[in-house]
Amino acid sequence: MISLTREQYLDSIQKLREQAASFADRLSSAQLTWQPMGGARWSVVECLDHLAVFNTGYLAALEAAASNAPSGGRGGEFRTAGFPSEKFLSIAEPPPSVKAKAPAKLAPRPTLNPEKILPEFLATLDRVNTLVRNTNGKDLNVVRFTNPFIPLIRFAAGTGLLVLGAHARRHLYQAEQVLKEPDFPRD
């Protein structure tokens, strides 16, 4: 079983926020939008846009489930429930062990404004913080939700939060890899 206390989880979200914000602090607009392999792979800003779109839809389902969470139980932690959720979570963590093409509805939007994408992604992390804080004392490990992007998958809301964090780490890792490309514009 994989588990994090609420405090550990909130710390992990803060680290994601800092990592994402560092892109804006150190990269120019041209660097943020540069695509590896002549446009065949995502730019840094496209990774952030994918996360903003994913988090927005995923959080709506999580928030609805969390509103039905009972008090007590193991409300102080978020955990996986067994092998299927642990396997899904391990696949979501970086570095990617399994490559998957994002569904069209989660692909980066065709017209991106680099100045707007980072604040939009950070706003989704604010929603995560609010959800975690507003459900303090509630057991999110006993209420289930349907993944809005893969309807065959149902997880406990606590597991869903773990997946959301892992997915963000995966794509921020992907964004960092863009900076290591030999053709990445250095100035």
Protein backbone atom coordinates (compact mmCIF):
# COMPACT_ATOMS: atom_id res chain seq x y z
CA MET A 1 0.00 0.00 0.00
CA ILE A 2 1.19 3.50 -0.85
CA SER A 3 0.08 6.26 1.49
CA LEU A 4 0.80 9.88 2.33
CA THR A 5 -0.43 11.92 5.24
CA ARG A 6 -2.35 15.05 4.38
CA GLU A 7 0.69 17.12 5.38
CA GLN A 8 3.02 15.08 3.17
CA TYR A 9 0.57 15.39 0.31
CA LEU A 10 0.27 19.17 0.69
CA ASP A 11 4.08 19.40 0.79
CA SER A 12 4.27 17.42 -2.47
CA ILE A 13 1.79 19.82 -4.10
CA GLN A 14 3.88 22.78 -2.93
CA LYS A 15 6.96 21.23 -4.56
CA LEU A 16 5.02 20.84 -7.82
CA ARG A 17 4.03 24.50 -7.61
CA GLU A 18 7.65 25.57 -7.10
CA GLN A 19 8.92 23.37 -9.93
CA ALA A 20 6.31 24.71 -12.37
CA ALA A 21 6.89 28.33 -11.32
CA SER A 22 10.63 27.89 -11.88
CA PHE A 23 9.99 27.46 -15.62
CA ALA A 24 8.57 30.98 -15.85
CA ASP A 25 11.43 32.35 -13.75
CA ARG A 26 14.22 30.92 -15.89
CA LEU A 27 12.85 30.50 -19.42
CA SER A 28 11.96 32.93 -22.17
CA SER A 29 8.73 32.67 -24.16
CA ALA A 30 10.68 31.12 -27.05
CA GLN A 31 12.16 28.50 -24.72
CA LEU A 32 8.78 27.73 -23.14
CA THR A 33 7.21 27.09 -26.55
CA TRP A 34 10.12 25.27 -28.23
CA GLN A 35 9.16 21.74 -29.30
CA PRO A 36 11.65 18.87 -29.47
CA MET A 37 12.02 16.75 -32.59
CA GLY A 38 10.80 19.49 -34.88
CA GLY A 39 7.41 19.70 -33.19
CA ALA A 40 6.85 15.96 -32.75
CA ARG A 41 7.01 16.24 -28.93
CA TRP A 42 5.49 18.66 -26.45
CA SER A 43 7.07 21.93 -25.37
CA VAL A 44 7.33 22.96 -21.72
CA VAL A 45 4.19 25.09 -22.02
CA GLU A 46 2.31 22.23 -23.71
CA CYS A 47 3.17 19.96 -20.76
CA LEU A 48 1.79 22.62 -18.40
CA ASP A 49 -1.31 23.09 -20.55
CA HIS A 50 -1.97 19.34 -20.55
CA LEU A 51 -1.76 19.37 -16.75
CA ALA A 52 -4.09 22.35 -16.47
CA VAL A 53 -6.70 20.69 -18.69
CA PHE A 54 -6.32 17.30 -16.99
CA ASN A 55 -6.44 18.71 -13.47
CA THR A 56 -9.53 20.82 -14.22
CA GLY A 57 -11.57 17.82 -15.39
CA TYR A 58 -10.15 15.38 -12.86
CA LEU A 59 -10.72 17.74 -9.94
CA ALA A 60 -14.39 18.18 -10.80
CA ALA A 61 -14.90 14.43 -10.36
CA LEU A 62 -12.76 14.33 -7.19
CA GLU A 63 -14.55 17.29 -5.62
CA ALA A 64 -17.94 15.69 -6.24
CA ALA A 65 -16.82 12.44 -4.61
CA ALA A 66 -15.17 14.22 -1.70
CA SER A 67 -18.41 16.03 -0.89
CA ASN A 68 -19.83 12.62 0.08
CA ALA A 69 -16.89 11.50 2.23
CA PRO A 70 -17.74 10.44 5.78
CA SER A 71 -15.92 11.80 8.80
CA GLY A 72 -13.38 9.73 10.68
CA GLY A 73 -11.81 6.52 9.50
CA ARG A 74 -8.38 7.04 8.01
CA GLY A 75 -9.06 10.66 7.11
CA GLY A 76 -5.52 11.72 7.98
CA GLU A 77 -3.99 9.98 4.98
CA PHE A 78 -4.47 9.20 1.33
CA ARG A 79 -3.69 5.65 0.24
CA THR A 80 -3.99 3.10 -2.49
CA ALA A 81 -6.40 0.23 -2.01
CA GLY A 82 -4.41 -2.60 -3.56
CA PHE A 83 -2.59 -3.86 -6.61
CA PRO A 84 -4.65 -2.18 -9.39
CA SER A 85 -4.40 1.29 -7.89
CA GLU A 86 -0.73 0.80 -6.94
CA LYS A 87 0.09 -0.32 -10.49
CA PHE A 88 -1.76 2.64 -12.03
CA LEU A 89 0.04 5.00 -9.66
CA SER A 90 3.45 3.50 -10.44
CA ILE A 91 2.82 3.95 -14.18
CA ALA A 92 1.91 7.61 -13.62
CA GLU A 93 5.14 8.40 -11.72
CA PRO A 94 8.25 9.60 -13.55
CA PRO A 95 10.33 8.56 -15.26
CA PRO A 96 7.74 7.07 -17.60
CA SER A 97 7.87 3.29 -17.77
CA VAL A 98 4.91 3.13 -20.13
CA LYS A 99 4.31 5.66 -22.89
CA ALA A 100 0.74 6.55 -23.68
CA LYS A 101 -0.75 9.01 -26.11
CA ALA A 102 -2.97 11.57 -24.43
CA PRO A 103 -6.61 11.44 -25.51
CA ALA A 104 -7.52 14.28 -27.88
CA LYS A 105 -9.51 16.07 -25.19
CA LEU A 106 -6.35 16.20 -23.02
CA ALA A 107 -3.90 17.20 -25.74
CA PRO A 108 -2.44 20.69 -25.50
CA ARG A 109 -4.73 23.30 -26.99
CA PRO A 110 -3.74 24.53 -30.46
CA THR A 111 -3.37 28.17 -29.47
CA LEU A 112 -1.36 28.63 -26.32
CA ASN A 113 -0.56 31.84 -24.52
CA PRO A 114 2.52 31.00 -22.41
CA GLU A 115 1.75 33.82 -19.97
CA LYS A 116 -1.68 32.36 -19.17
CA ILE A 117 -0.88 28.63 -18.97
CA LEU A 118 1.29 28.67 -15.85
CA PRO A 119 -1.25 30.67 -13.78
CA GLU A 120 -3.99 28.32 -15.01
CA PHE A 121 -2.02 25.25 -13.92
CA LEU A 122 -1.13 26.85 -10.57
CA ALA A 123 -4.83 27.64 -10.03
CA THR A 124 -5.59 23.91 -10.33
CA LEU A 125 -3.00 23.23 -7.63
CA ASP A 126 -4.75 25.84 -5.47
CA ARG A 127 -7.97 23.85 -5.98
CA VAL A 128 -6.16 20.70 -4.84
CA ASN A 129 -4.97 22.49 -1.68
CA THR A 130 -8.48 23.76 -1.01
CA LEU A 131 -9.98 20.30 -1.51
CA VAL A 132 -7.48 18.70 0.87
CA ARG A 133 -7.94 21.40 3.52
CA ASN A 134 -11.75 21.44 3.24
CA THR A 135 -11.96 17.68 3.69
CA ASN A 136 -9.77 17.54 6.79
CA GLY A 137 -11.25 14.91 9.09
CA LYS A 138 -13.07 13.17 6.23
CA ASP A 139 -12.04 9.77 4.93
CA LEU A 140 -11.44 10.17 1.20
CA ASN A 141 -10.31 6.54 1.02
CA VAL A 142 -13.86 5.19 1.20
CA VAL A 143 -15.64 7.26 -1.44
CA ARG A 144 -15.10 6.33 -5.07
CA PHE A 145 -15.18 8.35 -8.24
CA THR A 146 -15.08 7.53 -11.92
CA ASN A 147 -12.06 8.77 -13.83
CA PRO A 148 -13.60 11.35 -16.20
CA PHE A 149 -11.09 10.51 -18.94
CA ILE A 150 -11.04 6.71 -18.62
CA PRO A 151 -14.58 5.87 -17.44
CA LEU A 152 -13.76 2.20 -16.86
CA ILE A 153 -11.45 3.19 -14.00
CA ARG A 154 -12.84 3.89 -10.55
CA PHE A 155 -10.68 4.80 -7.58
CA ALA A 156 -11.15 5.98 -4.04
CA ALA A 157 -10.83 9.77 -3.90
CA GLY A 158 -7.69 9.41 -1.75
CA THR A 159 -6.07 7.31 -4.46
CA GLY A 160 -7.26 9.83 -7.04
CA LEU A 161 -5.36 12.59 -5.26
CA LEU A 162 -2.22 10.43 -5.28
CA VAL A 163 -2.68 9.82 -9.02
CA LEU A 164 -3.16 13.55 -9.66
CA GLY A 165 0.16 14.30 -7.95
CA ALA A 166 1.99 11.49 -9.75
CA HIS A 167 0.61 12.60 -13.11
CA ALA A 168 1.80 16.16 -12.48
CA ARG A 169 5.27 14.92 -11.50
CA ARG A 170 5.40 12.86 -14.69
CA HIS A 171 4.68 15.81 -16.98
CA LEU A 172 6.89 18.24 -15.08
CA TYR A 173 9.64 15.64 -15.49
CA GLN A 174 8.79 15.56 -19.20
CA ALA A 175 9.06 19.36 -19.32
CA GLU A 176 12.48 19.22 -17.62
CA GLN A 177 13.64 16.73 -20.26
CA VAL A 178 12.84 19.29 -22.97
CA LEU A 179 15.53 21.54 -21.47
CA LYS A 180 18.10 18.76 -21.89
CA GLU A 181 17.52 18.37 -25.62
CA PRO A 182 20.68 19.12 -27.65
CA ASP A 183 18.81 21.59 -29.89
CA PHE A 184 17.08 23.42 -27.04
CA PRO A 185 17.56 27.20 -27.52
CA ARG A 186 19.98 28.29 -24.78
CA ASP A 187 19.55 32.05 -25.03
